[in-house]
């Protein structure tokens, strides 16, 4: 009995007490976390901290850097070219969201029906989304050519004269929106098509018995049930369109004049064409704040539209 008591006491002393720190064989996750933190700090945190610092400095490439405080932001508030580029961004973003949303929803309703070769035609329809923006810009630039472009050639068959497209200040933004719509309507179609696949069929059967027509079914059944998917498409397209750069720069460089100069183009020209790094950094900070505010508003609207009829269920 004495030997059993001695062994029991030894085991009790060897066992870790409740609430004590884990032993030396406890898993340590820091070696896996630290590399990720270093990458995030190097790729995300440092560039933004450096941009904030540069925005309060006056620095033109090749000249000495001078602390300027809030001078760059004050200058930005009185820069009419900046406000013009902001207006161009608002117009371009609004049209680039609305047009794909309407056409993508219409395409989703068409492809949701049963007809021969539906899968093959879906694959053809989403192909523009897979192309690179610069390649798209080059092809559409040739199509928009006033003399040699195929679009004016096609318009001649229906009695419409040649258009200047991206070479006219009044039509350049709608022309760019046409390219954006052609590329990203398939994305909206896929999102809405996923929503239509989740819609139950029983309400449509009841509506058919009550004598509802096609428009009434869409207005009172389909549209409310796919509203969250539509808001998802709006959020994705808004964030993507507001920061659009490659297609605009490759096709017009912000021209003719400054007619298609969005904030992205103006920011790029300021920092890398005029080498005004400090002023360009201030513009980047303001643009980032605008994107964050836009994202916040869209997410709030998305939360409210998230099956808002939940109270009735």
Foldseek 3Di string as FASTA:
>chain_A
DVVVVVVVVVVVVVDDDPPDDDDPPDDDCVVVVVVVVVVCCVPPVVVLVVLVQLLQWFDFPPDDIGGRGCVLVVVCVPDVLQVLQAVLLVVLLVLLQVLLLVLLLVVLVVLLDDDPPSVVVLVVQLVLQPDDLLVLLVLVLQLQPQPRHVVQVVVVVVPDHTDNACADLVRPSVSLSVSSSSRCSSVLNVLLNVQVVPFDCVVVVVVVVVPDDPVCCCVPPVCLSSVLSSLVSSLVSSLPSSQDDNSCCSNALCDPVNSNNHLNSVLCCVCPVRRRSNSSSSSVVVSVVVSVVVNVVSVVVSVCSVSVVVVVD
